[in-house]
PDB file of all heavy atoms in Angstrom:
ATOM      1  N   PHE A   1      52.514  97.543 -73.106  1.00  0.00           N
ATOM      2  CA  PHE A   1      52.298  96.481 -74.074  1.00  0.00           C
ATOM      3  C   PHE A   1      51.098  95.582 -73.692  1.00  0.00           C
ATOM      4  O   PHE A   1      50.678  94.732 -74.449  1.00  0.00           O
ATOM      5  CB  PHE A   1      53.538  95.511 -74.073  1.00  0.00           C
ATOM      6  CG  PHE A   1      54.796  96.120 -74.798  1.00  0.00           C
ATOM      7  CD1 PHE A   1      55.818  96.622 -74.134  1.00  0.00           C
ATOM      8  CD2 PHE A   1      54.779  96.065 -76.171  1.00  0.00           C
ATOM      9  CE1 PHE A   1      56.858  97.220 -74.807  1.00  0.00           C
ATOM     10  CE2 PHE A   1      55.818  96.699 -76.892  1.00  0.00           C
ATOM     11  CZ  PHE A   1      56.817  97.270 -76.149  1.00  0.00           C
ATOM     12  N   GLY A   2      50.411  95.839 -72.568  1.00  0.00           N
ATOM     13  CA  GLY A   2      49.189  95.237 -72.182  1.00  0.00           C
ATOM     14  C   GLY A   2      49.410  93.690 -72.080  1.00  0.00           C
ATOM     15  O   GLY A   2      50.321  93.168 -71.537  1.00  0.00           O
ATOM     16  N   SER A   3      48.478  92.889 -72.861  1.00  0.00           N
ATOM     17  CA  SER A   3      48.567  91.480 -72.889  1.00  0.00           C
ATOM     18  C   SER A   3      49.359  90.906 -73.921  1.00  0.00           C
ATOM     19  O   SER A   3      49.517  89.649 -74.081  1.00  0.00           O
ATOM     20  CB  SER A   3      47.076  90.926 -73.024  1.00  0.00           C
ATOM     21  OG  SER A   3      46.565  91.345 -74.332  1.00  0.00           O
ATOM     22  N   PHE A   4      50.064  91.712 -74.698  1.00  0.00           N
ATOM     23  CA  PHE A   4      50.961  91.282 -75.752  1.00  0.00           C
ATOM     24  C   PHE A   4      52.104  90.271 -75.317  1.00  0.00           C
ATOM     25  O   PHE A   4      52.212  89.282 -76.029  1.00  0.00           O
ATOM     26  CB  PHE A   4      51.470  92.439 -76.591  1.00  0.00           C
ATOM     27  CG  PHE A   4      52.336  92.010 -77.787  1.00  0.00           C
ATOM     28  CD1 PHE A   4      51.691  91.266 -78.832  1.00  0.00           C
ATOM     29  CD2 PHE A   4      53.678  92.369 -77.880  1.00  0.00           C
ATOM     30  CE1 PHE A   4      52.436  90.942 -79.904  1.00  0.00           C
ATOM     31  CE2 PHE A   4      54.360  92.104 -79.003  1.00  0.00           C
ATOM     32  CZ  PHE A   4      53.801  91.357 -80.008  1.00  0.00           C
ATOM     33  N   PRO A   5      52.732  90.588 -74.334  1.00  0.00           N
ATOM     34  CA  PRO A   5      53.813  89.611 -73.797  1.00  0.00           C
ATOM     35  C   PRO A   5      53.265  88.195 -73.628  1.00  0.00           C
ATOM     36  O   PRO A   5      53.952  87.319 -73.992  1.00  0.00           O
ATOM     37  CB  PRO A   5      54.438  90.328 -72.555  1.00  0.00           C
ATOM     38  CG  PRO A   5      54.011  91.731 -72.680  1.00  0.00           C
ATOM     39  CD  PRO A   5      52.714  91.836 -73.398  1.00  0.00           C
ATOM     40  N   ALA A   6      52.128  88.113 -72.932  1.00  0.00           N
ATOM     41  CA  ALA A   6      51.556  86.771 -72.664  1.00  0.00           C
ATOM     42  C   ALA A   6      51.147  86.079 -73.851  1.00  0.00           C
ATOM     43  O   ALA A   6      51.361  84.921 -73.922  1.00  0.00           O
ATOM     44  CB  ALA A   6      50.438  86.960 -71.667  1.00  0.00           C
ATOM     45  N   LYS A   7      50.763  86.817 -74.894  1.00  0.00           N
ATOM     46  CA  LYS A   7      50.364  86.133 -76.106  1.00  0.00           C
ATOM     47  C   LYS A   7      51.599  85.607 -76.867  1.00  0.00           C
ATOM     48  O   LYS A   7      51.452  84.555 -77.490  1.00  0.00           O
ATOM     49  CB  LYS A   7      49.468  87.223 -76.940  1.00  0.00           C
ATOM     50  CG  LYS A   7      48.183  87.564 -76.386  1.00  0.00           C
ATOM     51  CD  LYS A   7      47.480  88.618 -77.238  1.00  0.00           C
ATOM     52  CE  LYS A   7      46.092  88.912 -76.726  1.00  0.00           C
ATOM     53  NZ  LYS A   7      45.412  89.943 -77.440  1.00  0.00           N
ATOM     54  N   LEU A   8      52.662  86.383 -76.847  1.00  0.00           N
ATOM     55  CA  LEU A   8      53.853  85.947 -77.441  1.00  0.00           C
ATOM     56  C   LEU A   8      54.375  84.594 -76.711  1.00  0.00           C
ATOM     57  O   LEU A   8      54.789  83.778 -77.359  1.00  0.00           O
ATOM     58  CB  LEU A   8      54.826  87.024 -77.407  1.00  0.00           C
ATOM     59  CG  LEU A   8      54.961  88.120 -78.390  1.00  0.00           C
ATOM     60  CD1 LEU A   8      56.180  89.113 -78.205  1.00  0.00           C
ATOM     61  CD2 LEU A   8      55.261  87.436 -79.814  1.00  0.00           C
ATOM     62  N   ASN A   9      54.325  84.711 -75.458  1.00  0.00           N
ATOM     63  CA  ASN A   9      54.738  83.698 -74.688  1.00  0.00           C
ATOM     64  C   ASN A   9      53.891  82.340 -74.889  1.00  0.00           C
ATOM     65  O   ASN A   9      54.447  81.180 -75.006  1.00  0.00           O
ATOM     66  CB  ASN A   9      54.704  83.914 -73.205  1.00  0.00           C
ATOM     67  CG  ASN A   9      55.203  82.835 -72.323  1.00  0.00           C
ATOM     68  OD1 ASN A   9      54.378  82.384 -71.469  1.00  0.00           O
ATOM     69  ND2 ASN A   9      56.527  82.382 -72.426  1.00  0.00           N
ATOM     70  N   LYS A  10      52.622  82.564 -75.154  1.00  0.00           N
ATOM     71  CA  LYS A  10      51.826  81.348 -75.303  1.00  0.00           C
ATOM     72  C   LYS A  10      52.082  80.639 -76.737  1.00  0.00           C
ATOM     73  O   LYS A  10      51.889  79.351 -76.692  1.00  0.00           O
ATOM     74  CB  LYS A  10      50.329  81.806 -75.418  1.00  0.00           C
ATOM     75  CG  LYS A  10      49.301  80.738 -75.425  1.00  0.00           C
ATOM     76  CD  LYS A  10      47.904  81.225 -75.315  1.00  0.00           C
ATOM     77  CE  LYS A  10      46.911  80.157 -75.271  1.00  0.00           C
ATOM     78  NZ  LYS A  10      45.509  80.619 -75.066  1.00  0.00           N
ATOM     79  N   ILE A  11      52.760  81.288 -77.592  1.00  0.00           N
ATOM     80  CA  ILE A  11      53.107  80.577 -78.935  1.00  0.00           C
ATOM     81  C   ILE A  11      54.461  80.097 -78.860  1.00  0.00           C
ATOM     82  O   ILE A  11      55.103  79.757 -79.939  1.00  0.00           O
ATOM     83  CB  ILE A  11      52.735  81.370 -80.133  1.00  0.00           C
ATOM     84  CG1 ILE A  11      53.510  82.775 -80.079  1.00  0.00           C
ATOM     85  CG2 ILE A  11      51.321  81.661 -80.197  1.00  0.00           C
ATOM     86  CD1 ILE A  11      53.361  83.468 -81.533  1.00  0.00           C
ATOM     87  N   GLY A  12      55.255  80.220 -77.635  1.00  0.00           N
ATOM     88  CA  GLY A  12      56.482  79.557 -77.530  1.00  0.00           C
ATOM     89  C   GLY A  12      57.722  80.442 -77.218  1.00  0.00           C
ATOM     90  O   GLY A  12      58.854  79.913 -77.278  1.00  0.00           O
ATOM     91  N   PHE A  13      57.494  81.744 -77.255  1.00  0.00           N
ATOM     92  CA  PHE A  13      58.636  82.605 -76.968  1.00  0.00           C
ATOM     93  C   PHE A  13      59.053  82.895 -75.508  1.00  0.00           C
ATOM     94  O   PHE A  13      58.043  83.011 -74.688  1.00  0.00           O
ATOM     95  CB  PHE A  13      58.425  84.065 -77.632  1.00  0.00           C
ATOM     96  CG  PHE A  13      58.283  83.948 -79.179  1.00  0.00           C
ATOM     97  CD1 PHE A  13      57.107  83.949 -79.812  1.00  0.00           C
ATOM     98  CD2 PHE A  13      59.469  83.857 -79.938  1.00  0.00           C
ATOM     99  CE1 PHE A  13      57.054  83.921 -81.116  1.00  0.00           C
ATOM    100  CE2 PHE A  13      59.371  83.861 -81.251  1.00  0.00           C
ATOM    101  CZ  PHE A  13      58.125  83.856 -81.906  1.00  0.00           C
ATOM    102  N   ASN A  14      60.106  82.982 -75.141  1.00  0.00           N
ATOM    103  CA  ASN A  14      60.609  83.742 -74.005  1.00  0.00           C
ATOM    104  C   ASN A  14      60.313  85.190 -74.227  1.00  0.00           C
ATOM    105  O   ASN A  14      60.611  85.765 -75.313  1.00  0.00           O
ATOM    106  CB  ASN A  14      62.034  83.532 -73.635  1.00  0.00           C
ATOM    107  CG  ASN A  14      62.438  82.069 -73.422  1.00  0.00           C
ATOM    108  OD1 ASN A  14      62.282  81.653 -72.221  1.00  0.00           O
ATOM    109  ND2 ASN A  14      63.060  81.409 -74.374  1.00  0.00           N
ATOM    110  N   VAL A  15      59.672  85.832 -73.252  1.00  0.00           N
ATOM    111  CA  VAL A  15      59.479  87.236 -73.482  1.00  0.00           C
ATOM    112  C   VAL A  15      59.989  88.107 -72.208  1.00  0.00           C
ATOM    113  O   VAL A  15      59.702  87.781 -71.039  1.00  0.00           O
ATOM    114  CB  VAL A  15      57.957  87.543 -73.649  1.00  0.00           C
ATOM    115  CG1 VAL A  15      57.686  89.069 -73.795  1.00  0.00           C
ATOM    116  CG2 VAL A  15      57.451  86.699 -74.778  1.00  0.00           C
ATOM    117  N   LEU A  16      60.715  89.094 -72.547  1.00  0.00           N
ATOM    118  CA  LEU A  16      61.131  90.046 -71.401  1.00  0.00           C
ATOM    119  C   LEU A  16      60.622  91.465 -71.629  1.00  0.00           C
ATOM    120  O   LEU A  16      60.988  92.094 -72.657  1.00  0.00           O
ATOM    121  CB  LEU A  16      62.605  89.986 -71.255  1.00  0.00           C
ATOM    122  CG  LEU A  16      63.195  90.826 -70.155  1.00  0.00           C
ATOM    123  CD1 LEU A  16      62.700  90.329 -68.741  1.00  0.00           C
ATOM    124  CD2 LEU A  16      64.693  91.002 -70.174  1.00  0.00           C
ATOM    125  N   ALA A  17      59.555  91.954 -71.032  1.00  0.00           N
ATOM    126  CA  ALA A  17      59.064  93.262 -71.076  1.00  0.00           C
ATOM    127  C   ALA A  17      59.714  94.058 -69.983  1.00  0.00           C
ATOM    128  O   ALA A  17      59.520  93.733 -68.817  1.00  0.00           O
ATOM    129  CB  ALA A  17      57.604  93.248 -70.981  1.00  0.00           C
ATOM    130  N   MET A  18      60.375  95.119 -70.258  1.00  0.00           N
ATOM    131  CA  MET A  18      61.155  95.832 -69.352  1.00  0.00           C
ATOM    132  C   MET A  18      60.891  97.283 -69.322  1.00  0.00           C
ATOM    133  O   MET A  18      60.564  97.997 -70.359  1.00  0.00           O
ATOM    134  CB  MET A  18      62.534  95.615 -69.617  1.00  0.00           C
ATOM    135  CG  MET A  18      63.175  96.119 -70.859  1.00  0.00           C
ATOM    136  SD  MET A  18      64.930  95.792 -71.274  1.00  0.00           S
ATOM    137  CE  MET A  18      65.569  96.869 -70.080  1.00  0.00           C
ATOM    138  N   ASP A  19      60.982  97.923 -68.121  1.00  0.00           N
ATOM    139  CA  ASP A  19      60.909  99.427 -68.091  1.00  0.00           C
ATOM    140  C   ASP A  19      62.280  99.925 -68.489  1.00  0.00           C
ATOM    141  O   ASP A  19      63.361  99.202 -68.397  1.00  0.00           O
ATOM    142  CB  ASP A  19      60.705  99.805 -66.608  1.00  0.00           C
ATOM    143  CG  ASP A  19      59.327  99.586 -66.139  1.00  0.00           C
ATOM    144  OD1 ASP A  19      58.407  99.315 -66.846  1.00  0.00           O
ATOM    145  OD2 ASP A  19      59.142  99.551 -64.894  1.00  0.00           O
ATOM    146  N   LEU A  20      62.339 101.086 -68.959  1.00  0.00           N
ATOM    147  CA  LEU A  20      63.547 101.829 -69.273  1.00  0.00           C
ATOM    148  C   LEU A  20      63.732 102.842 -68.119  1.00  0.00           C
ATOM    149  O   LEU A  20      62.761 103.292 -67.495  1.00  0.00           O
ATOM    150  CB  LEU A  20      63.584 102.490 -70.589  1.00  0.00           C
ATOM    151  CG  LEU A  20      63.372 101.572 -71.802  1.00  0.00           C
ATOM    152  CD1 LEU A  20      63.286 102.419 -73.153  1.00  0.00           C
ATOM    153  CD2 LEU A  20      64.636 100.644 -71.814  1.00  0.00           C
ATOM    154  N   ARG A  21      64.992 103.343 -67.877  1.00  0.00           N
ATOM    155  CA  ARG A  21      65.304 104.097 -66.718  1.00  0.00           C
ATOM    156  C   ARG A  21      64.599 105.482 -66.618  1.00  0.00           C
ATOM    157  O   ARG A  21      64.663 105.973 -65.465  1.00  0.00           O
ATOM    158  CB  ARG A  21      66.909 104.299 -66.673  1.00  0.00           C
ATOM    159  CG  ARG A  21      67.360 105.121 -67.824  1.00  0.00           C
ATOM    160  CD  ARG A  21      68.925 105.256 -67.588  1.00  0.00           C
ATOM    161  NE  ARG A  21      69.603 104.024 -67.653  1.00  0.00           N
ATOM    162  CZ  ARG A  21      70.762 103.870 -66.876  1.00  0.00           C
ATOM    163  NH1 ARG A  21      71.334 104.785 -66.148  1.00  0.00           N
ATOM    164  NH2 ARG A  21      71.263 102.614 -67.009  1.00  0.00           N
ATOM    165  N   TYR A  22      64.103 105.922 -67.666  1.00  0.00           N
ATOM    166  CA  TYR A  22      63.435 107.271 -67.628  1.00  0.00           C
ATOM    167  C   TYR A  22      61.915 107.180 -67.287  1.00  0.00           C
ATOM    168  O   TYR A  22      61.159 108.151 -67.315  1.00  0.00           O
ATOM    169  CB  TYR A  22      63.615 108.044 -68.958  1.00  0.00           C
ATOM    170  CG  TYR A  22      65.129 108.135 -69.262  1.00  0.00           C
ATOM    171  CD1 TYR A  22      65.683 107.799 -70.511  1.00  0.00           C
ATOM    172  CD2 TYR A  22      65.991 108.619 -68.247  1.00  0.00           C
ATOM    173  CE1 TYR A  22      66.955 107.862 -70.747  1.00  0.00           C
ATOM    174  CE2 TYR A  22      67.423 108.773 -68.577  1.00  0.00           C
ATOM    175  CZ  TYR A  22      67.867 108.474 -69.909  1.00  0.00           C
ATOM    176  OH  TYR A  22      69.202 108.626 -70.067  1.00  0.00           O
ATOM    177  N   LYS A  23      61.532 106.042 -66.915  1.00  0.00           N
ATOM    178  CA  LYS A  23      59.984 105.849 -66.748  1.00  0.00           C
ATOM    179  C   LYS A  23      59.469 106.844 -65.603  1.00  0.00           C
ATOM    180  O   LYS A  23      58.449 107.497 -65.869  1.00  0.00           O
ATOM    181  CB  LYS A  23      59.840 104.455 -66.233  1.00  0.00           C
ATOM    182  CG  LYS A  23      58.336 104.163 -65.795  1.00  0.00           C
ATOM    183  CD  LYS A  23      58.113 102.865 -65.289  1.00  0.00           C
ATOM    184  CE  LYS A  23      56.695 102.547 -64.771  1.00  0.00           C
ATOM    185  NZ  LYS A  23      56.525 101.275 -64.279  1.00  0.00           N
ATOM    186  N   ASP A  24      60.172 107.022 -64.493  1.00  0.00           N
ATOM    187  CA  ASP A  24      59.624 107.878 -63.431  1.00  0.00           C
ATOM    188  C   ASP A  24      59.601 109.385 -63.821  1.00  0.00           C
ATOM    189  O   ASP A  24      58.699 110.111 -63.559  1.00  0.00           O
ATOM    190  CB  ASP A  24      60.348 107.678 -62.166  1.00  0.00           C
ATOM    191  CG  ASP A  24      60.158 106.274 -61.598  1.00  0.00           C
ATOM    192  OD1 ASP A  24      59.061 105.673 -62.018  1.00  0.00           O
ATOM    193  OD2 ASP A  24      60.938 105.827 -60.598  1.00  0.00           O
ATOM    194  N   ILE A  25      60.711 109.799 -64.455  1.00  0.00           N
ATOM    195  CA  ILE A  25      60.717 111.241 -64.792  1.00  0.00           C
ATOM    196  C   ILE A  25      59.786 111.567 -65.935  1.00  0.00           C
ATOM    197  O   ILE A  25      59.286 112.686 -66.002  1.00  0.00           O
ATOM    198  CB  ILE A  25      62.129 111.653 -65.214  1.00  0.00           C
ATOM    199  CG1 ILE A  25      62.701 110.963 -66.399  1.00  0.00           C
ATOM    200  CG2 ILE A  25      63.079 111.492 -64.129  1.00  0.00           C
ATOM    201  CD1 ILE A  25      63.971 111.482 -67.034  1.00  0.00           C
ATOM    202  N   ILE A  26      59.549 110.599 -66.940  1.00  0.00           N
ATOM    203  CA  ILE A  26      58.452 110.742 -67.826  1.00  0.00           C
ATOM    204  C   ILE A  26      57.080 110.822 -67.248  1.00  0.00           C
ATOM    205  O   ILE A  26      56.276 111.702 -67.667  1.00  0.00           O
ATOM    206  CB  ILE A  26      58.566 109.695 -69.008  1.00  0.00           C
ATOM    207  CG1 ILE A  26      59.843 109.654 -69.657  1.00  0.00           C
ATOM    208  CG2 ILE A  26      57.397 109.873 -69.877  1.00  0.00           C
ATOM    209  CD1 ILE A  26      60.205 111.092 -70.352  1.00  0.00           C
ATOM    210  N   ALA A  27      56.806 109.966 -66.352  1.00  0.00           N
ATOM    211  CA  ALA A  27      55.571 109.944 -65.624  1.00  0.00           C
ATOM    212  C   ALA A  27      55.278 111.295 -64.970  1.00  0.00           C
ATOM    213  O   ALA A  27      54.012 111.725 -64.899  1.00  0.00           O
ATOM    214  CB  ALA A  27      55.391 108.854 -64.674  1.00  0.00           C
ATOM    215  N   ARG A  28      56.255 111.961 -64.410  1.00  0.00           N
ATOM    216  CA  ARG A  28      56.113 113.186 -63.652  1.00  0.00           C
ATOM    217  C   ARG A  28      56.065 114.415 -64.723  1.00  0.00           C
ATOM    218  O   ARG A  28      55.772 115.522 -64.251  1.00  0.00           O
ATOM    219  CB  ARG A  28      57.248 113.419 -62.774  1.00  0.00           C
ATOM    220  CG  ARG A  28      57.390 112.403 -61.662  1.00  0.00           C
ATOM    221  CD  ARG A  28      58.197 112.870 -60.456  1.00  0.00           C
ATOM    222  NE  ARG A  28      59.752 113.008 -61.005  1.00  0.00           N
ATOM    223  CZ  ARG A  28      60.623 111.986 -60.852  1.00  0.00           C
ATOM    224  NH1 ARG A  28      60.241 110.858 -60.376  1.00  0.00           N
ATOM    225  NH2 ARG A  28      61.834 112.285 -61.283  1.00  0.00           N
ATOM    226  N   ALA A  29      56.354 114.186 -65.884  1.00  0.00           N
ATOM    227  CA  ALA A  29      56.387 115.224 -66.893  1.00  0.00           C
ATOM    228  C   ALA A  29      55.054 115.850 -67.150  1.00  0.00           C
ATOM    229  O   ALA A  29      54.939 116.947 -67.667  1.00  0.00           O
ATOM    230  CB  ALA A  29      57.205 114.871 -68.163  1.00  0.00           C
ATOM    231  N   GLY A  30      54.022 115.043 -67.063  1.00  0.00           N
ATOM    232  CA  GLY A  30      52.690 115.487 -67.385  1.00  0.00           C
ATOM    233  C   GLY A  30      52.167 115.156 -68.788  1.00  0.00           C
ATOM    234  O   GLY A  30      52.329 113.995 -69.148  1.00  0.00           O
ATOM    235  N   ARG A  31      51.795 116.172 -69.504  1.00  0.00           N
ATOM    236  CA  ARG A  31      51.087 115.997 -70.819  1.00  0.00           C
ATOM    237  C   ARG A  31      52.088 115.377 -71.805  1.00  0.00           C
ATOM    238  O   ARG A  31      53.388 115.384 -71.595  1.00  0.00           O
ATOM    239  CB  ARG A  31      50.520 117.320 -71.291  1.00  0.00           C
ATOM    240  CG  ARG A  31      49.454 117.800 -70.477  1.00  0.00           C
ATOM    241  CD  ARG A  31      49.115 119.211 -70.881  1.00  0.00           C
ATOM    242  NE  ARG A  31      48.701 119.344 -72.276  1.00  0.00           N
ATOM    243  CZ  ARG A  31      47.387 119.160 -72.534  1.00  0.00           C
ATOM    244  NH1 ARG A  31      46.394 119.018 -71.734  1.00  0.00           N
ATOM    245  NH2 ARG A  31      47.042 119.235 -73.802  1.00  0.00           N
ATOM    246  N   PHE A  32      51.634 114.919 -72.931  1.00  0.00           N
ATOM    247  CA  PHE A  32      52.425 114.184 -73.934  1.00  0.00           C
ATOM    248  C   PHE A  32      53.525 115.053 -74.412  1.00  0.00           C
ATOM    249  O   PHE A  32      54.637 114.725 -74.566  1.00  0.00           O
ATOM    250  CB  PHE A  32      51.700 113.751 -75.027  1.00  0.00           C
ATOM    251  CG  PHE A  32      52.441 113.247 -76.206  1.00  0.00           C
ATOM    252  CD1 PHE A  32      53.165 112.152 -76.282  1.00  0.00           C
ATOM    253  CD2 PHE A  32      52.392 114.105 -77.468  1.00  0.00           C
ATOM    254  CE1 PHE A  32      53.878 111.710 -77.378  1.00  0.00           C
ATOM    255  CE2 PHE A  32      53.251 113.710 -78.468  1.00  0.00           C
ATOM    256  CZ  PHE A  32      53.962 112.500 -78.462  1.00  0.00           C
ATOM    257  N   GLU A  33      53.222 116.418 -74.743  1.00  0.00           N
ATOM    258  CA  GLU A  33      54.177 117.313 -75.143  1.00  0.00           C
ATOM    259  C   GLU A  33      55.392 117.518 -74.185  1.00  0.00           C
ATOM    260  O   GLU A  33      56.529 117.499 -74.647  1.00  0.00           O
ATOM    261  CB  GLU A  33      53.593 118.651 -75.467  1.00  0.00           C
ATOM    262  CG  GLU A  33      52.583 118.684 -76.667  1.00  0.00           C
ATOM    263  CD  GLU A  33      51.221 118.148 -76.203  1.00  0.00           C
ATOM    264  OE1 GLU A  33      51.028 117.877 -74.982  1.00  0.00           O
ATOM    265  OE2 GLU A  33      50.336 117.946 -77.085  1.00  0.00           O
ATOM    266  N   GLN A  34      54.998 117.620 -72.967  1.00  0.00           N
ATOM    267  CA  GLN A  34      56.105 117.754 -71.898  1.00  0.00           C
ATOM    268  C   GLN A  34      56.914 116.421 -71.839  1.00  0.00           C
ATOM    269  O   GLN A  34      58.133 116.415 -71.629  1.00  0.00           O
ATOM    270  CB  GLN A  34      55.611 118.075 -70.641  1.00  0.00           C
ATOM    271  CG  GLN A  34      55.049 119.520 -70.461  1.00  0.00           C
ATOM    272  CD  GLN A  34      53.861 119.848 -71.266  1.00  0.00           C
ATOM    273  OE1 GLN A  34      52.940 119.097 -71.269  1.00  0.00           O
ATOM    274  NE2 GLN A  34      53.840 120.943 -71.956  1.00  0.00           N
ATOM    275  N   GLN A  35      56.262 115.304 -71.981  1.00  0.00           N
ATOM    276  CA  GLN A  35      56.893 113.996 -71.898  1.00  0.00           C
ATOM    277  C   GLN A  35      57.857 113.862 -73.093  1.00  0.00           C
ATOM    278  O   GLN A  35      59.054 113.425 -72.825  1.00  0.00           O
ATOM    279  CB  GLN A  35      55.896 112.873 -71.945  1.00  0.00           C
ATOM    280  CG  GLN A  35      55.045 112.718 -70.682  1.00  0.00           C
ATOM    281  CD  GLN A  35      54.114 111.499 -70.796  1.00  0.00           C
ATOM    282  OE1 GLN A  35      54.060 110.854 -71.917  1.00  0.00           O
ATOM    283  NE2 GLN A  35      53.306 111.361 -69.679  1.00  0.00           N
TER     284      GLN A  35
END
């Protein structure tokens, strides 16, 4: 999400940007098709 959470927060929102549990196995999968 890059800088988007901070921008939302700046206009008054609480923001929770979270990883999902499959982050590591997706990162190890390689190319987009494999992911």
